[in-house]
């Protein structure tokens, strides 16, 4: 008879608790709960990482870093947030940190730079994904999450709003502000040094601006 999947010495298949219930159980002292959560979400974390970076090895390292970070930062989880939103940002940050360490800085062509203004062409610029990810790192987390979900991963505004736990109008506002900031960042990077800026990697994050309607 097939045995249920296990992590350590406990069964994985019988647990039907939600992600949030598992997180709260872990924070209440049930040590196995977070391992069940991570096992459940392992493939999803991999998918998020692979949509952010092209290199499978870097994506795998990012997932490992993110899983460790989930353990380490579990106490920072806020009950009003969805676990997947919180974990999504952890995976994104792990990808960005590893890309920075790799110091991969391919140059954007003029046509690539222009593509930032068009949602469809932006999503299709696979050859510039690394530098786009680096540019996204300069944004506040709320704008980076909105852009990554809607442009890179292809979620609709409503789907992204549901994942982030905010109103659709908030996602639209964050995307608009984020695309303006990205266009300015990429334009300065190209015009300032022809793609070899000494300050591009030290760009300070764009100051977050609270949305006028429905913002969080």
N, C-alpha and C. Protein backbone atom coordinates (compact mmCIF):
# COMPACT_ATOMS: atom_id res chain seq x y z
N UNK A 1 0.85 -1.19 0.00
CA UNK A 1 0.00 0.00 0.00
C UNK A 1 0.88 1.24 0.00
N UNK A 2 0.64 2.23 -0.88
CA UNK A 2 1.50 3.42 -0.93
C UNK A 2 1.48 4.17 0.39
N UNK A 3 2.63 4.66 0.76
CA UNK A 3 2.76 5.43 1.99
C UNK A 3 2.55 6.91 1.70
N UNK A 4 1.92 7.67 2.61
CA UNK A 4 1.75 9.11 2.41
C UNK A 4 3.08 9.82 2.43
N UNK A 5 3.14 10.94 1.71
CA UNK A 5 4.37 11.73 1.72
C UNK A 5 4.66 12.19 3.14
N UNK A 6 5.94 12.21 3.48
CA UNK A 6 6.31 12.55 4.86
C UNK A 6 7.48 13.53 4.84
N UNK A 7 7.51 14.40 5.84
CA UNK A 7 8.66 15.25 6.11
C UNK A 7 9.09 14.90 7.52
N UNK A 8 10.31 14.42 7.69
CA UNK A 8 10.71 13.95 8.99
C UNK A 8 9.93 12.70 9.32
N UNK A 9 9.19 12.73 10.45
CA UNK A 9 8.47 11.54 10.88
C UNK A 9 6.96 11.75 10.89
N UNK A 10 6.47 12.81 10.22
CA UNK A 10 5.04 13.05 10.30
C UNK A 10 4.40 13.01 8.92
N UNK A 11 3.12 12.62 8.89
CA UNK A 11 2.40 12.49 7.63
C UNK A 11 2.03 13.84 7.07
N UNK A 12 2.13 13.98 5.71
CA UNK A 12 1.79 15.22 5.05
C UNK A 12 0.40 15.18 4.45
N UNK A 13 -0.09 14.00 4.09
CA UNK A 13 -1.29 13.90 3.27
C UNK A 13 -2.57 14.17 4.03
N UNK A 14 -2.57 13.95 5.34
CA UNK A 14 -3.82 14.05 6.08
C UNK A 14 -4.15 15.47 6.53
N UNK A 15 -3.20 16.37 6.48
CA UNK A 15 -3.43 17.71 7.01
C UNK A 15 -4.19 18.56 6.00
N UNK A 16 -5.38 19.00 6.40
CA UNK A 16 -6.22 19.78 5.49
C UNK A 16 -6.33 21.24 5.94
N UNK A 17 -5.51 21.64 6.90
CA UNK A 17 -5.58 23.02 7.37
C UNK A 17 -5.11 24.00 6.29
N UNK A 18 -5.63 25.21 6.34
CA UNK A 18 -5.23 26.24 5.38
C UNK A 18 -3.80 26.69 5.67
N UNK A 19 -3.23 27.42 4.74
CA UNK A 19 -1.88 27.96 4.94
C UNK A 19 -1.85 28.83 6.19
N UNK A 20 -2.87 29.66 6.33
CA UNK A 20 -2.91 30.56 7.49
C UNK A 20 -3.03 29.79 8.80
N UNK A 21 -3.83 28.74 8.80
CA UNK A 21 -3.97 27.92 10.00
C UNK A 21 -2.65 27.24 10.35
N UNK A 22 -1.93 26.77 9.36
CA UNK A 22 -0.63 26.16 9.61
C UNK A 22 0.36 27.16 10.17
N UNK A 23 0.36 28.37 9.62
CA UNK A 23 1.28 29.39 10.12
C UNK A 23 0.96 29.75 11.57
N UNK A 24 -0.31 29.93 11.85
CA UNK A 24 -0.70 30.26 13.23
C UNK A 24 -0.38 29.11 14.18
N UNK A 25 -0.53 27.88 13.70
CA UNK A 25 -0.20 26.72 14.53
C UNK A 25 1.29 26.71 14.85
N UNK A 26 2.11 27.02 13.84
CA UNK A 26 3.56 27.07 14.06
C UNK A 26 3.91 28.15 15.07
N UNK A 27 3.32 29.32 14.92
CA UNK A 27 3.61 30.43 15.84
C UNK A 27 3.11 30.14 17.25
N UNK A 28 2.13 29.23 17.35
CA UNK A 28 1.61 28.84 18.67
C UNK A 28 2.42 27.71 19.29
N UNK A 29 3.42 27.21 18.55
CA UNK A 29 4.30 26.20 19.13
C UNK A 29 4.32 24.84 18.46
N UNK A 30 3.51 24.67 17.41
CA UNK A 30 3.51 23.38 16.70
C UNK A 30 4.61 23.40 15.64
N UNK A 31 5.76 22.89 15.98
CA UNK A 31 6.96 23.02 15.14
C UNK A 31 6.81 22.37 13.77
N UNK A 32 6.07 21.28 13.68
CA UNK A 32 5.93 20.59 12.40
C UNK A 32 5.06 21.34 11.39
N UNK A 33 4.26 22.27 11.88
CA UNK A 33 3.29 22.93 11.01
C UNK A 33 3.95 23.69 9.86
N UNK A 34 5.06 24.35 10.13
CA UNK A 34 5.69 25.14 9.07
C UNK A 34 6.36 24.23 8.04
N UNK A 35 6.82 23.06 8.46
CA UNK A 35 7.39 22.11 7.50
C UNK A 35 6.30 21.60 6.56
N UNK A 36 5.10 21.38 7.09
CA UNK A 36 3.98 20.96 6.25
C UNK A 36 3.65 22.07 5.25
N UNK A 37 3.66 23.31 5.72
CA UNK A 37 3.37 24.46 4.85
C UNK A 37 4.40 24.57 3.73
N UNK A 38 5.67 24.43 4.08
CA UNK A 38 6.73 24.56 3.08
C UNK A 38 6.69 23.41 2.07
N UNK A 39 6.40 22.22 2.54
CA UNK A 39 6.28 21.09 1.62
C UNK A 39 5.13 21.31 0.64
N UNK A 40 4.03 21.83 1.15
CA UNK A 40 2.85 22.11 0.32
C UNK A 40 3.15 23.16 -0.73
N UNK A 41 3.92 24.18 -0.36
CA UNK A 41 4.15 25.33 -1.23
C UNK A 41 5.48 25.28 -1.97
N UNK A 42 6.21 24.18 -1.85
CA UNK A 42 7.53 24.09 -2.48
C UNK A 42 7.47 24.28 -3.99
N UNK A 43 6.59 23.59 -4.68
CA UNK A 43 6.48 23.71 -6.14
C UNK A 43 6.02 25.11 -6.55
N UNK A 44 5.13 25.67 -5.77
CA UNK A 44 4.65 27.03 -6.06
C UNK A 44 5.78 28.04 -5.92
N UNK A 45 6.61 27.89 -4.90
CA UNK A 45 7.76 28.79 -4.71
C UNK A 45 8.73 28.66 -5.88
N UNK A 46 8.92 27.44 -6.36
CA UNK A 46 9.78 27.21 -7.52
C UNK A 46 9.22 27.92 -8.75
N UNK A 47 7.91 27.84 -8.93
CA UNK A 47 7.28 28.50 -10.06
C UNK A 47 7.47 30.01 -10.00
N UNK A 48 7.32 30.58 -8.83
CA UNK A 48 7.53 32.02 -8.66
C UNK A 48 8.97 32.39 -9.00
N UNK A 49 9.91 31.60 -8.50
CA UNK A 49 11.33 31.89 -8.75
C UNK A 49 11.68 31.77 -10.22
N UNK A 50 11.15 30.76 -10.90
CA UNK A 50 11.48 30.54 -12.31
C UNK A 50 10.88 31.62 -13.21
N UNK A 51 9.80 32.23 -12.78
CA UNK A 51 9.22 33.33 -13.55
C UNK A 51 10.00 34.63 -13.33
N UNK A 52 10.84 34.64 -12.31
CA UNK A 52 11.62 35.84 -12.00
C UNK A 52 13.02 35.76 -12.58
N UNK A 53 13.64 34.57 -12.55
CA UNK A 53 14.99 34.41 -13.09
C UNK A 53 14.99 33.28 -14.12
N UNK A 54 15.83 33.41 -15.15
CA UNK A 54 15.88 32.40 -16.21
C UNK A 54 16.75 31.21 -15.83
N UNK A 55 17.74 31.44 -15.01
CA UNK A 55 18.70 30.40 -14.66
C UNK A 55 18.09 29.47 -13.61
N UNK A 56 17.94 28.19 -13.97
CA UNK A 56 17.32 27.22 -13.07
C UNK A 56 18.10 27.05 -11.78
N UNK A 57 19.44 27.11 -11.88
CA UNK A 57 20.27 26.94 -10.68
C UNK A 57 20.06 28.10 -9.70
N UNK A 58 19.99 29.31 -10.24
CA UNK A 58 19.74 30.47 -9.39
C UNK A 58 18.35 30.38 -8.77
N UNK A 59 17.38 29.93 -9.57
CA UNK A 59 16.01 29.78 -9.05
C UNK A 59 15.97 28.78 -7.91
N UNK A 60 16.68 27.66 -8.08
CA UNK A 60 16.71 26.64 -7.02
C UNK A 60 17.35 27.20 -5.76
N UNK A 61 18.46 27.92 -5.92
CA UNK A 61 19.11 28.55 -4.77
C UNK A 61 18.17 29.54 -4.09
N UNK A 62 17.42 30.28 -4.91
CA UNK A 62 16.49 31.26 -4.36
C UNK A 62 15.40 30.59 -3.53
N UNK A 63 14.90 29.44 -4.02
CA UNK A 63 13.89 28.72 -3.27
C UNK A 63 14.44 28.24 -1.94
N UNK A 64 15.66 27.72 -1.96
CA UNK A 64 16.28 27.26 -0.71
C UNK A 64 16.47 28.42 0.27
N UNK A 65 16.93 29.55 -0.26
CA UNK A 65 17.10 30.74 0.59
C UNK A 65 15.75 31.18 1.14
N UNK A 66 14.73 31.15 0.29
CA UNK A 66 13.40 31.59 0.72
C UNK A 66 12.81 30.67 1.78
N UNK A 67 13.01 29.37 1.64
CA UNK A 67 12.49 28.43 2.63
C UNK A 67 13.15 28.65 3.99
N UNK A 68 14.44 28.92 3.96
CA UNK A 68 15.14 29.24 5.21
C UNK A 68 14.60 30.53 5.80
N UNK A 69 14.35 31.51 4.93
CA UNK A 69 13.85 32.80 5.39
C UNK A 69 12.45 32.68 5.99
N UNK A 70 11.64 31.77 5.45
CA UNK A 70 10.30 31.57 6.02
C UNK A 70 10.40 31.12 7.46
N UNK A 71 11.30 30.18 7.73
CA UNK A 71 11.54 29.76 9.12
C UNK A 71 12.01 30.94 9.97
N UNK A 72 13.00 31.65 9.44
CA UNK A 72 13.64 32.71 10.21
C UNK A 72 12.73 33.91 10.46
N UNK A 73 11.84 34.19 9.49
CA UNK A 73 11.01 35.39 9.59
C UNK A 73 9.54 35.09 9.91
N UNK A 74 9.26 33.88 10.31
CA UNK A 74 7.86 33.52 10.58
C UNK A 74 7.20 34.46 11.58
N UNK A 75 7.98 34.93 12.54
CA UNK A 75 7.42 35.81 13.57
C UNK A 75 6.98 37.16 13.01
N UNK A 76 7.41 37.49 11.78
CA UNK A 76 7.04 38.77 11.17
C UNK A 76 5.73 38.68 10.39
N UNK A 77 5.19 37.46 10.25
CA UNK A 77 3.94 37.31 9.50
C UNK A 77 2.81 38.03 10.22
N UNK A 78 2.05 38.81 9.45
CA UNK A 78 0.92 39.55 10.00
C UNK A 78 -0.38 38.85 9.66
N UNK A 79 -1.23 38.73 10.66
CA UNK A 79 -2.46 37.95 10.51
C UNK A 79 -3.37 38.49 9.42
N UNK A 80 -3.31 39.80 9.16
CA UNK A 80 -4.20 40.38 8.15
C UNK A 80 -3.76 40.06 6.72
N UNK A 81 -2.57 39.52 6.56
CA UNK A 81 -2.05 39.18 5.23
C UNK A 81 -2.28 37.70 4.93
N UNK A 82 -2.29 37.37 3.63
CA UNK A 82 -2.33 35.97 3.23
C UNK A 82 -0.91 35.41 3.29
N UNK A 83 -0.79 34.16 3.67
CA UNK A 83 0.53 33.54 3.74
C UNK A 83 1.21 33.56 2.38
N UNK A 84 0.46 33.32 1.31
CA UNK A 84 1.06 33.29 -0.02
C UNK A 84 1.61 34.66 -0.43
N UNK A 85 0.93 35.74 -0.05
CA UNK A 85 1.44 37.08 -0.34
C UNK A 85 2.76 37.32 0.37
N UNK A 86 2.81 36.94 1.63
CA UNK A 86 4.02 37.09 2.45
C UNK A 86 5.16 36.24 1.89
N UNK A 87 4.86 34.98 1.53
CA UNK A 87 5.90 34.10 0.99
C UNK A 87 6.34 34.55 -0.40
N UNK A 88 5.41 35.08 -1.18
CA UNK A 88 5.73 35.57 -2.52
C UNK A 88 6.84 36.61 -2.45
N UNK A 89 6.72 37.56 -1.53
CA UNK A 89 7.72 38.61 -1.41
C UNK A 89 9.05 38.05 -0.91
N UNK A 90 9.01 37.03 -0.08
CA UNK A 90 10.25 36.41 0.40
C UNK A 90 10.99 35.75 -0.78
N UNK A 91 10.25 35.05 -1.64
CA UNK A 91 10.87 34.43 -2.82
C UNK A 91 11.43 35.51 -3.75
N UNK A 92 10.65 36.54 -3.99
CA UNK A 92 11.11 37.63 -4.86
C UNK A 92 12.39 38.26 -4.32
N UNK A 93 12.43 38.53 -3.04
CA UNK A 93 13.62 39.13 -2.45
C UNK A 93 14.83 38.21 -2.54
N UNK A 94 14.60 36.91 -2.38
CA UNK A 94 15.70 35.94 -2.50
C UNK A 94 16.25 35.94 -3.92
N UNK A 95 15.37 36.00 -4.91
CA UNK A 95 15.81 36.05 -6.31
C UNK A 95 16.65 37.30 -6.57
N UNK A 96 16.16 38.43 -6.11
CA UNK A 96 16.84 39.70 -6.34
C UNK A 96 18.21 39.72 -5.66
N UNK A 97 18.27 39.21 -4.42
CA UNK A 97 19.54 39.17 -3.70
C UNK A 97 20.56 38.31 -4.44
N UNK A 98 20.13 37.17 -4.97
CA UNK A 98 21.05 36.29 -5.68
C UNK A 98 21.49 36.91 -7.00
N UNK A 99 20.60 37.59 -7.69
CA UNK A 99 20.98 38.25 -8.94
C UNK A 99 22.00 39.35 -8.67
N UNK A 100 21.84 40.05 -7.58
CA UNK A 100 22.82 41.08 -7.22
C UNK A 100 24.18 40.44 -6.97
N UNK A 101 24.19 39.32 -6.27
CA UNK A 101 25.45 38.64 -5.99
C UNK A 101 26.11 38.15 -7.27
N UNK A 102 25.29 37.73 -8.21
CA UNK A 102 25.84 37.28 -9.49
C UNK A 102 26.39 38.43 -10.31
N UNK A 103 25.93 39.65 -9.99
CA UNK A 103 26.38 40.86 -10.70
C UNK A 103 26.16 40.75 -12.21
N UNK A 104 24.99 40.24 -12.58
CA UNK A 104 24.64 40.12 -13.99
C UNK A 104 23.98 41.42 -14.43
N UNK A 105 24.61 42.14 -15.36
CA UNK A 105 24.07 43.42 -15.80
C UNK A 105 24.08 43.52 -17.32
N UNK A 106 23.24 42.78 -18.03
CA UNK A 106 23.19 42.90 -19.48
C UNK A 106 22.67 44.27 -19.89
N UNK A 107 23.10 44.74 -21.04
CA UNK A 107 22.70 46.05 -21.51
C UNK A 107 21.38 45.99 -22.26
N UNK A 108 20.52 46.98 -21.98
CA UNK A 108 19.26 47.10 -22.70
C UNK A 108 19.47 47.83 -24.02
N UNK A 109 18.85 47.34 -25.07
CA UNK A 109 18.87 48.07 -26.34
C UNK A 109 17.80 49.15 -26.29
N UNK A 110 17.82 50.04 -27.26
CA UNK A 110 16.82 51.10 -27.31
C UNK A 110 15.42 50.52 -27.39
N UNK A 111 15.26 49.44 -28.19
CA UNK A 111 13.94 48.84 -28.34
C UNK A 111 13.48 48.21 -27.04
N UNK A 112 14.41 47.64 -26.27
CA UNK A 112 14.05 47.06 -24.99
C UNK A 112 13.57 48.13 -24.04
N UNK A 113 14.29 49.29 -24.04
CA UNK A 113 13.92 50.38 -23.17
C UNK A 113 12.53 50.90 -23.49
N UNK A 114 12.22 50.97 -24.79
CA UNK A 114 10.91 51.44 -25.19
C UNK A 114 9.82 50.47 -24.76
N UNK A 115 10.18 49.18 -24.70
CA UNK A 115 9.20 48.16 -24.36
C UNK A 115 8.63 48.30 -22.97
N UNK A 116 9.32 49.03 -22.09
CA UNK A 116 8.84 49.18 -20.72
C UNK A 116 7.51 49.91 -20.69
N UNK A 117 7.22 50.68 -21.73
CA UNK A 117 5.99 51.46 -21.74
C UNK A 117 4.79 50.65 -22.21
N UNK A 118 5.03 49.46 -22.72
CA UNK A 118 3.94 48.63 -23.22
C UNK A 118 3.88 47.34 -22.43
N UNK A 119 2.73 47.07 -21.81
CA UNK A 119 2.61 45.90 -20.94
C UNK A 119 2.91 44.61 -21.67
N UNK A 120 2.38 44.44 -22.86
CA UNK A 120 2.57 43.19 -23.60
C UNK A 120 4.02 43.00 -24.00
N UNK A 121 4.63 44.04 -24.61
CA UNK A 121 6.01 43.90 -25.06
C UNK A 121 6.95 43.76 -23.88
N UNK A 122 6.64 44.42 -22.78
CA UNK A 122 7.45 44.31 -21.57
C UNK A 122 7.49 42.85 -21.12
N UNK A 123 6.34 42.21 -21.10
CA UNK A 123 6.29 40.82 -20.66
C UNK A 123 7.03 39.90 -21.61
N UNK A 124 7.10 40.28 -22.90
CA UNK A 124 7.75 39.44 -23.90
C UNK A 124 9.26 39.62 -23.98
N UNK A 125 9.81 40.60 -23.27
CA UNK A 125 11.24 40.87 -23.38
C UNK A 125 12.02 39.88 -22.50
N UNK A 126 12.02 38.59 -22.90
CA UNK A 126 12.66 37.58 -22.06
C UNK A 126 14.15 37.80 -21.91
N UNK A 127 14.79 38.38 -22.94
CA UNK A 127 16.23 38.58 -22.89
C UNK A 127 16.64 39.65 -21.89
N UNK A 128 15.70 40.45 -21.43
CA UNK A 128 16.04 41.52 -20.49
C UNK A 128 15.49 41.26 -19.10
N UNK A 129 15.06 40.00 -18.84
CA UNK A 129 14.41 39.72 -17.57
C UNK A 129 15.32 39.98 -16.37
N UNK A 130 16.59 39.67 -16.50
CA UNK A 130 17.50 39.88 -15.38
C UNK A 130 17.59 41.35 -15.01
N UNK A 131 17.78 42.21 -16.01
CA UNK A 131 17.91 43.62 -15.70
C UNK A 131 16.59 44.23 -15.25
N UNK A 132 15.49 43.71 -15.76
CA UNK A 132 14.19 44.17 -15.29
C UNK A 132 14.02 43.81 -13.81
N UNK A 133 14.46 42.61 -13.44
CA UNK A 133 14.38 42.20 -12.05
C UNK A 133 15.22 43.11 -11.17
N UNK A 134 16.40 43.49 -11.65
CA UNK A 134 17.23 44.42 -10.91
C UNK A 134 16.56 45.77 -10.78
N UNK A 135 15.91 46.21 -11.85
CA UNK A 135 15.20 47.49 -11.81
C UNK A 135 14.03 47.41 -10.83
N UNK A 136 13.33 46.28 -10.82
CA UNK A 136 12.22 46.11 -9.88
C UNK A 136 12.69 46.22 -8.43
N UNK A 137 13.94 45.83 -8.19
CA UNK A 137 14.48 45.88 -6.83
C UNK A 137 14.55 47.30 -6.29
N UNK A 138 14.51 48.30 -7.18
CA UNK A 138 14.57 49.70 -6.72
C UNK A 138 13.21 50.21 -6.26
N UNK A 139 12.16 49.44 -6.50
CA UNK A 139 10.81 49.89 -6.16
C UNK A 139 10.42 49.49 -4.74
N UNK A 140 9.48 50.20 -4.15
CA UNK A 140 8.89 49.76 -2.89
C UNK A 140 8.24 48.39 -3.09
N UNK A 141 8.14 47.60 -2.05
CA UNK A 141 7.64 46.24 -2.18
C UNK A 141 6.23 46.17 -2.74
N UNK A 142 5.36 47.13 -2.36
CA UNK A 142 3.99 47.05 -2.84
C UNK A 142 3.92 47.23 -4.36
N UNK A 143 4.72 48.15 -4.91
CA UNK A 143 4.74 48.36 -6.35
C UNK A 143 5.42 47.20 -7.07
N UNK A 144 6.48 46.67 -6.48
CA UNK A 144 7.18 45.55 -7.10
C UNK A 144 6.28 44.32 -7.18
N UNK A 145 5.53 44.06 -6.12
CA UNK A 145 4.62 42.93 -6.10
C UNK A 145 3.54 43.09 -7.16
N UNK A 146 2.96 44.28 -7.26
CA UNK A 146 1.89 44.52 -8.24
C UNK A 146 2.39 44.34 -9.66
N UNK A 147 3.56 44.88 -9.98
CA UNK A 147 4.11 44.76 -11.33
C UNK A 147 4.51 43.34 -11.66
N UNK A 148 5.13 42.67 -10.72
CA UNK A 148 5.57 41.29 -10.97
C UNK A 148 4.39 40.38 -11.26
N UNK A 149 3.34 40.52 -10.47
CA UNK A 149 2.17 39.66 -10.66
C UNK A 149 1.45 39.95 -11.97
N UNK A 150 1.27 41.23 -12.31
CA UNK A 150 0.45 41.57 -13.48
C UNK A 150 1.23 41.53 -14.79
N UNK A 151 2.50 41.92 -14.77
CA UNK A 151 3.26 42.01 -16.01
C UNK A 151 4.10 40.76 -16.27
N UNK A 152 4.85 40.32 -15.28
CA UNK A 152 5.74 39.18 -15.48
C UNK A 152 4.98 37.87 -15.39
N UNK A 153 4.08 37.74 -14.41
CA UNK A 153 3.40 36.47 -14.21
C UNK A 153 2.04 36.40 -14.89
N UNK A 154 1.52 37.53 -15.37
CA UNK A 154 0.31 37.50 -16.16
C UNK A 154 -1.00 37.43 -15.41
N UNK A 155 -0.99 37.72 -14.10
CA UNK A 155 -2.25 37.75 -13.37
C UNK A 155 -3.08 38.96 -13.80
N UNK A 156 -4.40 38.82 -13.76
CA UNK A 156 -5.26 39.96 -14.02
C UNK A 156 -5.22 40.90 -12.81
N UNK A 157 -5.74 42.11 -13.01
CA UNK A 157 -5.79 43.07 -11.90
C UNK A 157 -6.57 42.49 -10.73
N UNK A 158 -7.71 41.88 -11.02
CA UNK A 158 -8.55 41.31 -9.95
C UNK A 158 -7.83 40.16 -9.24
N UNK A 159 -7.13 39.31 -10.00
CA UNK A 159 -6.40 38.20 -9.39
C UNK A 159 -5.27 38.71 -8.51
N UNK A 160 -4.54 39.70 -9.00
CA UNK A 160 -3.45 40.28 -8.22
C UNK A 160 -3.98 40.93 -6.95
N UNK A 161 -5.12 41.59 -7.06
CA UNK A 161 -5.72 42.23 -5.89
C UNK A 161 -6.11 41.19 -4.84
N UNK A 162 -6.65 40.06 -5.31
CA UNK A 162 -7.04 38.99 -4.38
C UNK A 162 -5.82 38.41 -3.68
N UNK A 163 -4.73 38.21 -4.42
CA UNK A 163 -3.51 37.67 -3.83
C UNK A 163 -2.93 38.64 -2.80
N UNK A 164 -2.90 39.93 -3.16
CA UNK A 164 -2.30 40.93 -2.27
C UNK A 164 -3.24 41.35 -1.15
N UNK A 165 -4.52 41.04 -1.28
CA UNK A 165 -5.48 41.41 -0.25
C UNK A 165 -5.83 42.89 -0.25
N UNK A 166 -5.84 43.50 -1.44
CA UNK A 166 -6.17 44.92 -1.55
C UNK A 166 -7.22 45.09 -2.66
N UNK A 167 -7.70 46.33 -2.82
CA UNK A 167 -8.69 46.61 -3.85
C UNK A 167 -8.04 46.64 -5.24
N UNK A 168 -8.78 46.27 -6.30
CA UNK A 168 -8.24 46.33 -7.66
C UNK A 168 -7.69 47.71 -8.01
N UNK A 169 -8.36 48.76 -7.55
CA UNK A 169 -7.88 50.11 -7.82
C UNK A 169 -6.51 50.37 -7.24
N UNK A 170 -6.22 49.74 -6.12
CA UNK A 170 -4.91 49.89 -5.49
C UNK A 170 -3.83 49.25 -6.35
N UNK A 171 -4.13 48.07 -6.90
CA UNK A 171 -3.17 47.40 -7.78
C UNK A 171 -2.91 48.26 -9.01
N UNK A 172 -3.96 48.82 -9.61
CA UNK A 172 -3.80 49.68 -10.78
C UNK A 172 -2.90 50.87 -10.46
N UNK A 173 -3.13 51.48 -9.30
CA UNK A 173 -2.33 52.64 -8.91
C UNK A 173 -0.88 52.26 -8.69
N UNK A 174 -0.65 51.14 -8.04
CA UNK A 174 0.72 50.69 -7.79
C UNK A 174 1.43 50.35 -9.10
N UNK A 175 0.72 49.73 -10.02
CA UNK A 175 1.32 49.41 -11.32
C UNK A 175 1.68 50.68 -12.07
N UNK A 176 0.79 51.65 -12.06
CA UNK A 176 1.04 52.90 -12.78
C UNK A 176 2.26 53.62 -12.21
N UNK A 177 2.32 53.74 -10.90
CA UNK A 177 3.46 54.42 -10.28
C UNK A 177 4.74 53.63 -10.49
N UNK A 178 4.62 52.31 -10.41
CA UNK A 178 5.80 51.47 -10.57
C UNK A 178 6.36 51.53 -11.98
N UNK A 179 5.50 51.53 -13.01
CA UNK A 179 5.98 51.60 -14.39
C UNK A 179 6.63 52.95 -14.69
N UNK A 180 6.08 54.01 -14.11
CA UNK A 180 6.70 55.32 -14.29
C UNK A 180 8.10 55.34 -13.68
N UNK A 181 8.23 54.76 -12.49
CA UNK A 181 9.53 54.73 -11.82
C UNK A 181 10.52 53.85 -12.57
N UNK A 182 10.06 52.72 -13.10
CA UNK A 182 10.94 51.83 -13.86
C UNK A 182 11.43 52.51 -15.14
N UNK A 183 10.52 53.18 -15.84
CA UNK A 183 10.91 53.86 -17.07
C UNK A 183 11.96 54.92 -16.79
N UNK A 184 11.79 55.66 -15.69
CA UNK A 184 12.76 56.69 -15.32
C UNK A 184 14.10 56.06 -14.96
N UNK A 185 14.06 54.96 -14.21
CA UNK A 185 15.28 54.27 -13.79
C UNK A 185 16.06 53.76 -14.99
N UNK A 186 15.37 53.08 -15.92
CA UNK A 186 16.02 52.51 -17.08
C UNK A 186 16.55 53.60 -18.01
N UNK A 187 15.78 54.68 -18.13
CA UNK A 187 16.24 55.80 -18.96
C UNK A 187 17.50 56.43 -18.42
N UNK A 188 17.55 56.64 -17.12
CA UNK A 188 18.75 57.21 -16.49
C UNK A 188 19.93 56.28 -16.60
N UNK A 189 19.68 54.98 -16.48
CA UNK A 189 20.76 53.99 -16.54
C UNK A 189 21.42 53.99 -17.92
N UNK A 190 20.58 54.06 -18.95
CA UNK A 190 21.09 54.04 -20.31
C UNK A 190 21.74 55.36 -20.71
N UNK A 191 21.07 56.46 -20.43
CA UNK A 191 21.59 57.76 -20.85
C UNK A 191 22.79 58.19 -20.02
N UNK A 192 22.85 57.71 -18.78
CA UNK A 192 23.92 58.14 -17.89
C UNK A 192 25.25 57.48 -18.17
N UNK A 193 25.22 56.21 -18.66
CA UNK A 193 26.50 55.51 -18.81
C UNK A 193 26.54 54.52 -19.94
N UNK A 194 25.49 54.44 -20.74
CA UNK A 194 25.49 53.46 -21.83
C UNK A 194 25.45 52.05 -21.35
N UNK A 195 24.85 51.85 -20.14
CA UNK A 195 24.67 50.49 -19.64
C UNK A 195 25.75 50.02 -18.71
N UNK A 196 26.73 50.92 -18.34
CA UNK A 196 27.80 50.48 -17.43
C UNK A 196 27.92 51.45 -16.28
N UNK A 197 26.81 51.84 -15.74
CA UNK A 197 26.81 52.82 -14.67
C UNK A 197 27.41 52.26 -13.41
N UNK A 198 28.21 53.08 -12.77
CA UNK A 198 28.77 52.66 -11.50
C UNK A 198 27.80 52.82 -10.38
N UNK A 199 26.75 53.62 -10.62
CA UNK A 199 25.80 53.85 -9.56
C UNK A 199 24.51 53.06 -9.74
N UNK A 200 24.35 52.39 -10.94
CA UNK A 200 23.12 51.68 -11.21
C UNK A 200 22.80 50.64 -10.18
N UNK A 201 23.83 49.92 -9.69
CA UNK A 201 23.59 48.88 -8.70
C UNK A 201 23.36 49.43 -7.33
N UNK A 202 23.63 50.77 -7.14
CA UNK A 202 23.46 51.36 -5.84
C UNK A 202 22.27 52.31 -5.81
N UNK A 203 21.40 52.18 -6.80
CA UNK A 203 20.24 53.04 -6.88
C UNK A 203 19.40 52.90 -5.62
N UNK A 204 19.03 54.02 -5.02
CA UNK A 204 18.22 53.98 -3.83
C UNK A 204 16.79 53.64 -4.20
N UNK A 205 16.10 52.90 -3.35
CA UNK A 205 14.72 52.55 -3.66
C UNK A 205 13.87 53.80 -3.82
N UNK A 206 12.92 53.72 -4.76
CA UNK A 206 12.01 54.82 -4.98
C UNK A 206 11.15 54.99 -3.76
N UNK A 207 10.94 56.22 -3.35
CA UNK A 207 10.13 56.48 -2.17
C UNK A 207 8.71 56.02 -2.40
N UNK A 208 8.15 55.23 -1.51
CA UNK A 208 6.80 54.75 -1.67
C UNK A 208 5.81 55.88 -1.53
N UNK A 209 4.81 55.89 -2.39
CA UNK A 209 3.79 56.91 -2.35
C UNK A 209 2.46 56.24 -2.05
N UNK A 210 1.77 56.68 -1.02
CA UNK A 210 0.51 56.06 -0.65
C UNK A 210 -0.55 56.35 -1.70
N UNK A 211 -1.25 55.31 -2.11
CA UNK A 211 -2.27 55.46 -3.12
C UNK A 211 -3.42 56.30 -2.60
N UNK A 212 -3.98 57.10 -3.49
CA UNK A 212 -5.03 58.00 -3.09
C UNK A 212 -6.34 57.27 -2.82
N UNK A 213 -6.55 56.14 -3.53
CA UNK A 213 -7.82 55.44 -3.39
C UNK A 213 -7.58 53.98 -3.04
N UNK A 214 -8.14 53.60 -1.92
CA UNK A 214 -8.10 52.19 -1.53
C UNK A 214 -6.72 51.69 -1.22
N UNK A 215 -5.73 52.58 -1.02
CA UNK A 215 -4.36 52.12 -0.83
C UNK A 215 -4.09 51.57 0.52
N UNK A 216 -3.08 50.67 0.53
CA UNK A 216 -2.57 50.14 1.79
C UNK A 216 -1.07 50.17 1.75
